[in-house]
């Protein structure tokens, strides 16, 4: 896949995918989110990037973080979560490891 094709794929996921997508680092800091995720948490994209999902749970944006559980257990985690706007949704977090297993 060329760099242009990768950029087009990322742009399509960000702009057109109908479910929330969050990509975080190993500490739970958001490094990528799509427009749907931004709308659901009620934060502009520039404020969402860099936010930590643990902080968003503590602030009540979400009732629970499958991201933080996946980081803790190093396993895929799926659960129903609630958001500040009383949205009940299903969240699935899949850890992706580097060559050191982090």
C-alpha atoms as a PDB file:
ATOM      1  CA  UNK A   1       0.000   0.000   0.000  1.00  0.00           C
ATOM      2  CA  UNK A   2       1.399   3.388  -0.944  1.00  0.00           C
ATOM      3  CA  UNK A   3       1.563   6.326   1.472  1.00  0.00           C
ATOM      4  CA  UNK A   4      -1.198   8.042  -0.514  1.00  0.00           C
ATOM      5  CA  UNK A   5      -3.434   4.963  -0.193  1.00  0.00           C
ATOM      6  CA  UNK A   6      -2.748   4.826   3.553  1.00  0.00           C
ATOM      7  CA  UNK A   7      -3.605   8.503   3.910  1.00  0.00           C
ATOM      8  CA  UNK A   8      -6.826   7.977   1.931  1.00  0.00           C
ATOM      9  CA  UNK A   9      -7.787   5.028   4.142  1.00  0.00           C
ATOM     10  CA  UNK A  10      -7.161   6.986   7.339  1.00  0.00           C
ATOM     11  CA  UNK A  11      -9.124   9.935   5.961  1.00  0.00           C
ATOM     12  CA  UNK A  12     -12.047   7.664   5.046  1.00  0.00           C
ATOM     13  CA  UNK A  13     -12.102   6.084   8.519  1.00  0.00           C
ATOM     14  CA  UNK A  14     -11.959   9.506  10.132  1.00  0.00           C
ATOM     15  CA  UNK A  15     -14.670  11.077   7.982  1.00  0.00           C
ATOM     16  CA  UNK A  16     -17.068   8.313   6.963  1.00  0.00           C
ATOM     17  CA  UNK A  17     -17.004   5.351   9.344  1.00  0.00           C
ATOM     18  CA  UNK A  18     -20.295   5.385  11.259  1.00  0.00           C
ATOM     19  CA  UNK A  19     -19.016   4.077  14.597  1.00  0.00           C
ATOM     20  CA  UNK A  20     -16.569   5.654  17.000  1.00  0.00           C
ATOM     21  CA  UNK A  21     -12.913   4.880  16.491  1.00  0.00           C
ATOM     22  CA  UNK A  22     -10.324   5.702  19.132  1.00  0.00           C
ATOM     23  CA  UNK A  23      -6.678   4.764  18.785  1.00  0.00           C
ATOM     24  CA  UNK A  24      -4.621   5.292  21.913  1.00  0.00           C
ATOM     25  CA  UNK A  25      -1.070   4.780  22.971  1.00  0.00           C
ATOM     26  CA  UNK A  26      -0.139   2.295  25.699  1.00  0.00           C
ATOM     27  CA  UNK A  27      -1.083   4.804  28.407  1.00  0.00           C
ATOM     28  CA  UNK A  28      -4.574   5.482  27.049  1.00  0.00           C
ATOM     29  CA  UNK A  29      -3.823   8.840  25.400  1.00  0.00           C
ATOM     30  CA  UNK A  30      -5.910   9.382  22.267  1.00  0.00           C
ATOM     31  CA  UNK A  31      -3.678   9.597  19.193  1.00  0.00           C
ATOM     32  CA  UNK A  32      -6.439   9.187  16.602  1.00  0.00           C
ATOM     33  CA  UNK A  33     -10.220   9.500  16.665  1.00  0.00           C
ATOM     34  CA  UNK A  34     -12.791   9.809  13.941  1.00  0.00           C
ATOM     35  CA  UNK A  35     -15.525  12.444  13.647  1.00  0.00           C
ATOM     36  CA  UNK A  36     -18.178  10.159  15.164  1.00  0.00           C
ATOM     37  CA  UNK A  37     -16.043   9.676  18.286  1.00  0.00           C
ATOM     38  CA  UNK A  38     -15.594  13.425  18.597  1.00  0.00           C
ATOM     39  CA  UNK A  39     -19.348  13.994  18.320  1.00  0.00           C
ATOM     40  CA  UNK A  40     -20.228  11.240  20.805  1.00  0.00           C
ATOM     41  CA  UNK A  41     -17.938  12.535  23.540  1.00  0.00           C
ATOM     42  CA  UNK A  42     -18.888  16.129  22.792  1.00  0.00           C
ATOM     43  CA  UNK A  43     -15.335  17.368  22.293  1.00  0.00           C
ATOM     44  CA  UNK A  44     -13.835  19.041  19.238  1.00  0.00           C
ATOM     45  CA  UNK A  45     -11.229  16.883  17.541  1.00  0.00           C
ATOM     46  CA  UNK A  46      -8.350  19.138  18.581  1.00  0.00           C
ATOM     47  CA  UNK A  47      -9.382  18.734  22.257  1.00  0.00           C
ATOM     48  CA  UNK A  48      -9.955  14.998  21.957  1.00  0.00           C
ATOM     49  CA  UNK A  49      -6.489  14.212  20.617  1.00  0.00           C
ATOM     50  CA  UNK A  50      -4.088  13.825  23.507  1.00  0.00           C
ATOM     51  CA  UNK A  51      -6.836  13.283  26.082  1.00  0.00           C
ATOM     52  CA  UNK A  52      -6.468  10.253  28.302  1.00  0.00           C
ATOM     53  CA  UNK A  53      -9.429   7.841  28.361  1.00  0.00           C
ATOM     54  CA  UNK A  54      -8.944   7.272  32.113  1.00  0.00           C
ATOM     55  CA  UNK A  55      -9.516  11.013  32.637  1.00  0.00           C
ATOM     56  CA  UNK A  56     -12.628  10.876  30.467  1.00  0.00           C
ATOM     57  CA  UNK A  57     -14.049   8.121  32.697  1.00  0.00           C
ATOM     58  CA  UNK A  58     -13.217  10.134  35.834  1.00  0.00           C
ATOM     59  CA  UNK A  59     -14.941  13.172  34.275  1.00  0.00           C
ATOM     60  CA  UNK A  60     -18.039  11.076  33.532  1.00  0.00           C
ATOM     61  CA  UNK A  61     -17.755  11.138  29.742  1.00  0.00           C
ATOM     62  CA  UNK A  62     -17.961   7.346  29.866  1.00  0.00           C
ATOM     63  CA  UNK A  63     -18.982   4.943  32.617  1.00  0.00           C
ATOM     64  CA  UNK A  64     -16.141   2.518  31.872  1.00  0.00           C
ATOM     65  CA  UNK A  65     -13.144   2.255  29.564  1.00  0.00           C
ATOM     66  CA  UNK A  66     -12.548  -0.919  27.612  1.00  0.00           C
ATOM     67  CA  UNK A  67      -9.327   0.742  26.442  1.00  0.00           C
ATOM     68  CA  UNK A  68      -7.884   0.934  29.947  1.00  0.00           C
ATOM     69  CA  UNK A  69      -8.969  -2.632  30.699  1.00  0.00           C
ATOM     70  CA  UNK A  70      -7.335  -3.869  27.471  1.00  0.00           C
ATOM     71  CA  UNK A  71      -4.126  -2.038  28.393  1.00  0.00           C
ATOM     72  CA  UNK A  72      -4.193  -3.514  31.903  1.00  0.00           C
ATOM     73  CA  UNK A  73      -4.939  -7.103  30.860  1.00  0.00           C
ATOM     74  CA  UNK A  74      -3.211  -7.079  27.452  1.00  0.00           C
ATOM     75  CA  UNK A  75      -6.322  -8.803  26.081  1.00  0.00           C
ATOM     76  CA  UNK A  76      -9.261  -7.832  23.917  1.00  0.00           C
ATOM     77  CA  UNK A  77     -12.079  -6.368  26.009  1.00  0.00           C
ATOM     78  CA  UNK A  78     -15.710  -5.832  25.008  1.00  0.00           C
ATOM     79  CA  UNK A  79     -18.451  -4.309  27.137  1.00  0.00           C
ATOM     80  CA  UNK A  80     -21.530  -2.106  27.108  1.00  0.00           C
ATOM     81  CA  UNK A  81     -20.757   1.415  28.249  1.00  0.00           C
ATOM     82  CA  UNK A  82     -22.810   4.512  28.944  1.00  0.00           C
ATOM     83  CA  UNK A  83     -21.884   8.040  27.965  1.00  0.00           C
ATOM     84  CA  UNK A  84     -22.812  11.462  29.329  1.00  0.00           C
ATOM     85  CA  UNK A  85     -25.681  11.772  26.863  1.00  0.00           C
ATOM     86  CA  UNK A  86     -27.207   8.494  28.135  1.00  0.00           C
ATOM     87  CA  UNK A  87     -26.055   6.690  25.016  1.00  0.00           C
ATOM     88  CA  UNK A  88     -25.736   2.976  25.684  1.00  0.00           C
ATOM     89  CA  UNK A  89     -23.200   1.547  23.313  1.00  0.00           C
ATOM     90  CA  UNK A  90     -20.994  -1.451  22.841  1.00  0.00           C
ATOM     91  CA  UNK A  91     -17.253  -0.896  23.017  1.00  0.00           C
ATOM     92  CA  UNK A  92     -14.562  -3.274  21.826  1.00  0.00           C
ATOM     93  CA  UNK A  93     -10.870  -2.614  22.455  1.00  0.00           C
ATOM     94  CA  UNK A  94      -8.117  -4.651  20.852  1.00  0.00           C
ATOM     95  CA  UNK A  95      -4.531  -4.174  22.012  1.00  0.00           C
ATOM     96  CA  UNK A  96      -1.838  -4.082  19.366  1.00  0.00           C
ATOM     97  CA  UNK A  97       1.616  -4.987  20.610  1.00  0.00           C
ATOM     98  CA  UNK A  98       5.087  -3.941  19.545  1.00  0.00           C
ATOM     99  CA  UNK A  99       7.992  -6.360  19.231  1.00  0.00           C
ATOM    100  CA  UNK A 100       8.575  -6.133  23.028  1.00  0.00           C
ATOM    101  CA  UNK A 101       4.992  -7.159  23.779  1.00  0.00           C
ATOM    102  CA  UNK A 102       4.007  -3.658  24.946  1.00  0.00           C
END
